[in-house]
Amino acid sequence: MAQASFRGEHHLKMDGKGRISIPADFRRVLESGDADWSSDQPSRMVINYRDELAGGFEINTYDGQAENEALVAALPKGSLSRKMAQRDFITKTKDLSLDDTGRIVMPQFLRDRLGLAEGMTILALGLGETFQMWNPDTYEAVHGAALDDFIEEQGEDFNSEMLLEEGRKILEARMRRDARE
């Protein structure tokens, strides 16, 4: 069975108490990505706010976060790579649970990080294994120009299906390598 994934773009509103309603399709993915979830418990998520997100958040399922932590633990103890990964994927996280109406209460320090105020729109972008939340203006400032530049560099014959072909070639190369091992 294929793993559920976060898909689509949602425009969410935050109320005066910092509550944000998480879309139902995202809630189902959070539930399926939490081995301890049951219908009598709230869905849980882990928000990551590492520096490279430049003002956005990445939200992971509980199982996805456990996988990240296992990958961090596999790095050599005391190495700079492990320290960096610990900071970015363990320390710079916050566990949140949904209330019975499917909302989270965004902590004030995270609201400040996104520059959010009551009634503002929050851009939620499904990215497959995770989703991200952004102030739309910040997202455009951080990613808009870079994506436009990328498209321009590809030439006039470029279309996004070419990216899937690139991914297919990478997967095929991995399968050939794995078959040899």
C-alpha atoms as a PDB file:
ATOM      1  CA  MET A   1       0.000   0.000   0.000  1.00  0.00           C
ATOM      2  CA  ALA A   2       1.374   3.406  -0.930  1.00  0.00           C
ATOM      3  CA  GLN A   3       2.191   5.753   1.912  1.00  0.00           C
ATOM      4  CA  ALA A   4      -0.128   8.730   2.226  1.00  0.00           C
ATOM      5  CA  SER A   5       1.451  12.009   1.246  1.00  0.00           C
ATOM      6  CA  PHE A   6       0.879  15.703   1.743  1.00  0.00           C
ATOM      7  CA  ARG A   7      -0.378  17.212  -1.512  1.00  0.00           C
ATOM      8  CA  GLY A   8      -1.706  20.494  -2.718  1.00  0.00           C
ATOM      9  CA  GLU A   9      -1.687  24.114  -1.697  1.00  0.00           C
ATOM     10  CA  HIS A  10      -3.921  25.461   1.043  1.00  0.00           C
ATOM     11  CA  HIS A  11      -4.545  28.996   2.248  1.00  0.00           C
ATOM     12  CA  LEU A  12      -5.188  28.943   5.985  1.00  0.00           C
ATOM     13  CA  LYS A  13      -6.246  31.649   8.426  1.00  0.00           C
ATOM     14  CA  MET A  14      -4.992  32.179  11.941  1.00  0.00           C
ATOM     15  CA  ASP A  15      -7.410  33.476  14.557  1.00  0.00           C
ATOM     16  CA  GLY A  16      -6.658  35.841  17.442  1.00  0.00           C
ATOM     17  CA  LYS A  17      -5.648  32.968  19.730  1.00  0.00           C
ATOM     18  CA  GLY A  18      -3.078  31.656  17.260  1.00  0.00           C
ATOM     19  CA  ARG A  19      -5.243  28.738  16.136  1.00  0.00           C
ATOM     20  CA  ILE A  20      -4.890  27.397  12.616  1.00  0.00           C
ATOM     21  CA  SER A  21      -7.190  24.769  11.146  1.00  0.00           C
ATOM     22  CA  ILE A  22      -5.181  22.028   9.446  1.00  0.00           C
ATOM     23  CA  PRO A  23      -6.817  20.769   6.232  1.00  0.00           C
ATOM     24  CA  ALA A  24      -8.583  17.413   6.558  1.00  0.00           C
ATOM     25  CA  ASP A  25      -6.400  15.732   3.927  1.00  0.00           C
ATOM     26  CA  PHE A  26      -3.260  16.801   5.824  1.00  0.00           C
ATOM     27  CA  ARG A  27      -4.780  15.531   9.095  1.00  0.00           C
ATOM     28  CA  ARG A  28      -5.298  12.079   7.516  1.00  0.00           C
ATOM     29  CA  VAL A  29      -1.607  11.969   6.550  1.00  0.00           C
ATOM     30  CA  LEU A  30      -0.588  12.987  10.078  1.00  0.00           C
ATOM     31  CA  GLU A  31      -2.742  10.171  11.471  1.00  0.00           C
ATOM     32  CA  SER A  32      -1.304   7.593   9.089  1.00  0.00           C
ATOM     33  CA  GLY A  33       2.224   8.758   9.924  1.00  0.00           C
ATOM     34  CA  ASP A  34       1.860   8.197  13.674  1.00  0.00           C
ATOM     35  CA  ALA A  35       2.134   4.565  14.723  1.00  0.00           C
ATOM     36  CA  ASP A  36       0.628   5.441  18.128  1.00  0.00           C
ATOM     37  CA  TRP A  37      -2.382   7.337  16.774  1.00  0.00           C
ATOM     38  CA  SER A  38      -5.911   6.112  17.429  1.00  0.00           C
ATOM     39  CA  SER A  39      -9.282   7.724  16.806  1.00  0.00           C
ATOM     40  CA  ASP A  40      -9.636   8.646  20.485  1.00  0.00           C
ATOM     41  CA  GLN A  41      -6.375  10.644  20.455  1.00  0.00           C
ATOM     42  CA  PRO A  42      -5.460  13.895  18.717  1.00  0.00           C
ATOM     43  CA  SER A  43      -3.227  13.848  15.668  1.00  0.00           C
ATOM     44  CA  ARG A  44       0.333  14.935  16.354  1.00  0.00           C
ATOM     45  CA  MET A  45       2.923  16.667  14.239  1.00  0.00           C
ATOM     46  CA  VAL A  46       6.449  17.970  14.545  1.00  0.00           C
ATOM     47  CA  ILE A  47       7.224  21.472  13.307  1.00  0.00           C
ATOM     48  CA  ASN A  48      10.805  22.076  12.213  1.00  0.00           C
ATOM     49  CA  TYR A  49      12.051  25.660  12.034  1.00  0.00           C
ATOM     50  CA  ARG A  50      15.685  25.210  11.021  1.00  0.00           C
ATOM     51  CA  ASP A  51      17.484  28.275   9.681  1.00  0.00           C
ATOM     52  CA  GLU A  52      17.592  27.147   6.052  1.00  0.00           C
ATOM     53  CA  LEU A  53      13.805  27.441   5.902  1.00  0.00           C
ATOM     54  CA  ALA A  54      14.357  31.216   6.113  1.00  0.00           C
ATOM     55  CA  GLY A  55      11.125  32.081   7.839  1.00  0.00           C
ATOM     56  CA  GLY A  56       8.998  29.056   7.041  1.00  0.00           C
ATOM     57  CA  PHE A  57       8.262  25.801   8.843  1.00  0.00           C
ATOM     58  CA  GLU A  58       8.420  22.219   7.726  1.00  0.00           C
ATOM     59  CA  ILE A  59       5.893  19.899   9.312  1.00  0.00           C
ATOM     60  CA  ASN A  60       6.573  16.210   9.629  1.00  0.00           C
ATOM     61  CA  THR A  61       4.584  13.242  10.865  1.00  0.00           C
ATOM     62  CA  TYR A  62       5.689  11.604  14.113  1.00  0.00           C
ATOM     63  CA  ASP A  63       7.014   8.586  12.226  1.00  0.00           C
ATOM     64  CA  GLY A  64       8.851  10.860   9.796  1.00  0.00           C
ATOM     65  CA  GLN A  65      10.465  12.691  12.693  1.00  0.00           C
ATOM     66  CA  ALA A  66      11.519   9.367  14.248  1.00  0.00           C
ATOM     67  CA  GLU A  67      13.145   8.453  10.928  1.00  0.00           C
ATOM     68  CA  ASN A  68      15.009  11.792  10.890  1.00  0.00           C
ATOM     69  CA  GLU A  69      16.229  11.185  14.432  1.00  0.00           C
ATOM     70  CA  ALA A  70      17.467   7.705  13.485  1.00  0.00           C
ATOM     71  CA  LEU A  71      19.400   9.204  10.578  1.00  0.00           C
ATOM     72  CA  VAL A  72      20.942  11.796  12.910  1.00  0.00           C
ATOM     73  CA  ALA A  73      21.896   9.044  15.393  1.00  0.00           C
ATOM     74  CA  ALA A  74      23.684   7.169  12.585  1.00  0.00           C
ATOM     75  CA  LEU A  75      26.141  10.044  12.123  1.00  0.00           C
ATOM     76  CA  PRO A  76      29.473   9.731  13.975  1.00  0.00           C
ATOM     77  CA  LYS A  77      29.193  10.838  17.610  1.00  0.00           C
ATOM     78  CA  GLY A  78      30.913  14.142  18.271  1.00  0.00           C
ATOM     79  CA  SER A  79      31.235  14.986  14.564  1.00  0.00           C
ATOM     80  CA  LEU A  80      30.301  18.430  13.314  1.00  0.00           C
ATOM     81  CA  SER A  81      27.849  16.858  10.877  1.00  0.00           C
ATOM     82  CA  ARG A  82      26.024  15.156  13.764  1.00  0.00           C
ATOM     83  CA  LYS A  83      26.008  18.344  15.851  1.00  0.00           C
ATOM     84  CA  MET A  84      24.582  20.313  12.930  1.00  0.00           C
ATOM     85  CA  ALA A  85      21.959  17.652  12.205  1.00  0.00           C
ATOM     86  CA  GLN A  86      21.020  17.482  15.909  1.00  0.00           C
ATOM     87  CA  ARG A  87      20.538  21.248  15.998  1.00  0.00           C
ATOM     88  CA  ASP A  88      18.518  21.382  12.792  1.00  0.00           C
ATOM     89  CA  PHE A  89      16.419  18.217  13.071  1.00  0.00           C
ATOM     90  CA  ILE A  90      16.033  17.676  16.814  1.00  0.00           C
ATOM     91  CA  THR A  91      16.596  20.933  18.696  1.00  0.00           C
ATOM     92  CA  LYS A  92      14.802  23.232  16.242  1.00  0.00           C
ATOM     93  CA  THR A  93      11.534  21.334  16.453  1.00  0.00           C
ATOM     94  CA  LYS A  94       8.285  21.694  18.351  1.00  0.00           C
ATOM     95  CA  ASP A  95       5.704  18.956  18.919  1.00  0.00           C
ATOM     96  CA  LEU A  96       2.096  20.051  18.445  1.00  0.00           C
ATOM     97  CA  SER A  97      -1.212  18.241  18.693  1.00  0.00           C
ATOM     98  CA  LEU A  98      -4.456  19.013  16.940  1.00  0.00           C
ATOM     99  CA  ASP A  99      -7.480  19.862  19.033  1.00  0.00           C
ATOM    100  CA  ASP A 100     -10.781  18.043  18.544  1.00  0.00           C
ATOM    101  CA  THR A 101     -11.723  20.417  15.702  1.00  0.00           C
ATOM    102  CA  GLY A 102      -8.493  19.865  13.749  1.00  0.00           C
ATOM    103  CA  ARG A 103      -6.697  23.039  14.826  1.00  0.00           C
ATOM    104  CA  ILE A 104      -3.257  23.664  16.233  1.00  0.00           C
ATOM    105  CA  VAL A 105      -2.336  26.538  18.492  1.00  0.00           C
ATOM    106  CA  MET A 106       0.767  28.113  16.999  1.00  0.00           C
ATOM    107  CA  PRO A 107       3.169  29.132  19.786  1.00  0.00           C
ATOM    108  CA  GLN A 108       3.946  32.844  19.898  1.00  0.00           C
ATOM    109  CA  PHE A 109       7.619  32.421  19.000  1.00  0.00           C
ATOM    110  CA  LEU A 110       6.617  30.582  15.819  1.00  0.00           C
ATOM    111  CA  ARG A 111       3.998  33.213  14.968  1.00  0.00           C
ATOM    112  CA  ASP A 112       6.700  35.831  15.360  1.00  0.00           C
ATOM    113  CA  ARG A 113       9.037  33.834  13.134  1.00  0.00           C
ATOM    114  CA  LEU A 114       6.485  33.867  10.306  1.00  0.00           C
ATOM    115  CA  GLY A 115       5.379  37.412  10.990  1.00  0.00           C
ATOM    116  CA  LEU A 116       1.810  36.260  11.567  1.00  0.00           C
ATOM    117  CA  ALA A 117      -1.012  38.273  13.017  1.00  0.00           C
ATOM    118  CA  GLU A 118      -4.696  37.559  13.547  1.00  0.00           C
ATOM    119  CA  GLY A 119      -6.565  36.939  10.308  1.00  0.00           C
ATOM    120  CA  MET A 120      -3.467  36.587   8.148  1.00  0.00           C
ATOM    121  CA  THR A 121      -3.301  33.991   5.430  1.00  0.00           C
ATOM    122  CA  ILE A 122      -0.794  31.195   5.830  1.00  0.00           C
ATOM    123  CA  LEU A 123       0.371  29.292   2.791  1.00  0.00           C
ATOM    124  CA  ALA A 124       0.493  25.517   3.400  1.00  0.00           C
ATOM    125  CA  LEU A 125       2.319  23.572   0.689  1.00  0.00           C
ATOM    126  CA  GLY A 126       2.148  19.788   0.452  1.00  0.00           C
ATOM    127  CA  LEU A 127       5.571  18.391  -0.430  1.00  0.00           C
ATOM    128  CA  GLY A 128       4.920  14.653  -0.298  1.00  0.00           C
ATOM    129  CA  GLU A 129       6.613  13.427   2.895  1.00  0.00           C
ATOM    130  CA  THR A 130       6.223  16.801   4.634  1.00  0.00           C
ATOM    131  CA  PHE A 131       4.378  20.065   4.261  1.00  0.00           C
ATOM    132  CA  GLN A 132       5.504  23.616   4.790  1.00  0.00           C
ATOM    133  CA  MET A 133       3.804  26.686   6.205  1.00  0.00           C
ATOM    134  CA  TRP A 134       4.762  30.183   5.090  1.00  0.00           C
ATOM    135  CA  ASN A 135       3.733  33.781   5.251  1.00  0.00           C
ATOM    136  CA  PRO A 136       2.909  34.128   1.510  1.00  0.00           C
ATOM    137  CA  ASP A 137       4.994  37.298   1.154  1.00  0.00           C
ATOM    138  CA  THR A 138       8.015  35.616   2.742  1.00  0.00           C
ATOM    139  CA  TYR A 139       7.608  32.556   0.541  1.00  0.00           C
ATOM    140  CA  GLU A 140       7.560  34.672  -2.606  1.00  0.00           C
ATOM    141  CA  ALA A 141      10.580  36.680  -1.460  1.00  0.00           C
ATOM    142  CA  VAL A 142      12.581  33.562  -0.561  1.00  0.00           C
ATOM    143  CA  HIS A 143      11.563  31.193  -3.357  1.00  0.00           C
ATOM    144  CA  GLY A 144       9.872  33.150  -6.137  1.00  0.00           C
ATOM    145  CA  ALA A 145      12.972  34.693  -7.714  1.00  0.00           C
ATOM    146  CA  ALA A 146      15.018  31.500  -7.325  1.00  0.00           C
ATOM    147  CA  LEU A 147      12.359  29.420  -9.082  1.00  0.00           C
ATOM    148  CA  ASP A 148      11.975  32.026 -11.831  1.00  0.00           C
ATOM    149  CA  ASP A 149      15.761  32.015 -12.330  1.00  0.00           C
ATOM    150  CA  PHE A 150      15.812  28.210 -12.460  1.00  0.00           C
ATOM    151  CA  ILE A 151      13.112  28.133 -15.132  1.00  0.00           C
ATOM    152  CA  GLU A 152      14.919  30.774 -17.174  1.00  0.00           C
ATOM    153  CA  GLU A 153      18.211  28.833 -16.968  1.00  0.00           C
ATOM    154  CA  GLN A 154      16.517  25.712 -18.357  1.00  0.00           C
ATOM    155  CA  GLY A 155      15.748  27.341 -21.693  1.00  0.00           C
ATOM    156  CA  GLU A 156      12.562  27.919 -23.611  1.00  0.00           C
ATOM    157  CA  ASP A 157      11.902  24.211 -24.267  1.00  0.00           C
ATOM    158  CA  PHE A 158      11.755  23.435 -20.540  1.00  0.00           C
ATOM    159  CA  ASN A 159       8.661  21.942 -18.947  1.00  0.00           C
ATOM    160  CA  SER A 160       8.311  20.506 -15.468  1.00  0.00           C
ATOM    161  CA  GLU A 161       7.801  16.947 -16.764  1.00  0.00           C
ATOM    162  CA  MET A 162      11.531  17.002 -17.509  1.00  0.00           C
ATOM    163  CA  LEU A 163      12.115  17.004 -13.750  1.00  0.00           C
ATOM    164  CA  LEU A 164      10.176  13.756 -13.418  1.00  0.00           C
ATOM    165  CA  GLU A 165      12.333  12.244 -16.151  1.00  0.00           C
ATOM    166  CA  GLU A 166      15.436  13.314 -14.221  1.00  0.00           C
ATOM    167  CA  GLY A 167      14.008  11.634 -11.108  1.00  0.00           C
ATOM    168  CA  ARG A 168      13.233   8.484 -13.098  1.00  0.00           C
ATOM    169  CA  LYS A 169      16.859   8.275 -14.293  1.00  0.00           C
ATOM    170  CA  ILE A 170      18.129   8.654 -10.725  1.00  0.00           C
ATOM    171  CA  LEU A 171      15.806   5.903  -9.469  1.00  0.00           C
ATOM    172  CA  GLU A 172      16.811   3.584 -12.309  1.00  0.00           C
ATOM    173  CA  ALA A 173      20.506   4.165 -11.552  1.00  0.00           C
ATOM    174  CA  ARG A 174      19.891   3.342  -7.873  1.00  0.00           C
ATOM    175  CA  MET A 175      18.033   0.167  -8.809  1.00  0.00           C
ATOM    176  CA  ARG A 176      20.900  -0.929 -11.067  1.00  0.00           C
ATOM    177  CA  ARG A 177      23.433  -0.179  -8.300  1.00  0.00           C
ATOM    178  CA  ASP A 178      21.359  -2.060  -5.712  1.00  0.00           C
ATOM    179  CA  ALA A 179      21.027  -5.049  -8.056  1.00  0.00           C
ATOM    180  CA  ARG A 180      24.828  -5.213  -8.375  1.00  0.00           C
ATOM    181  CA  GLU A 181      25.359  -5.136  -4.596  1.00  0.00           C
END
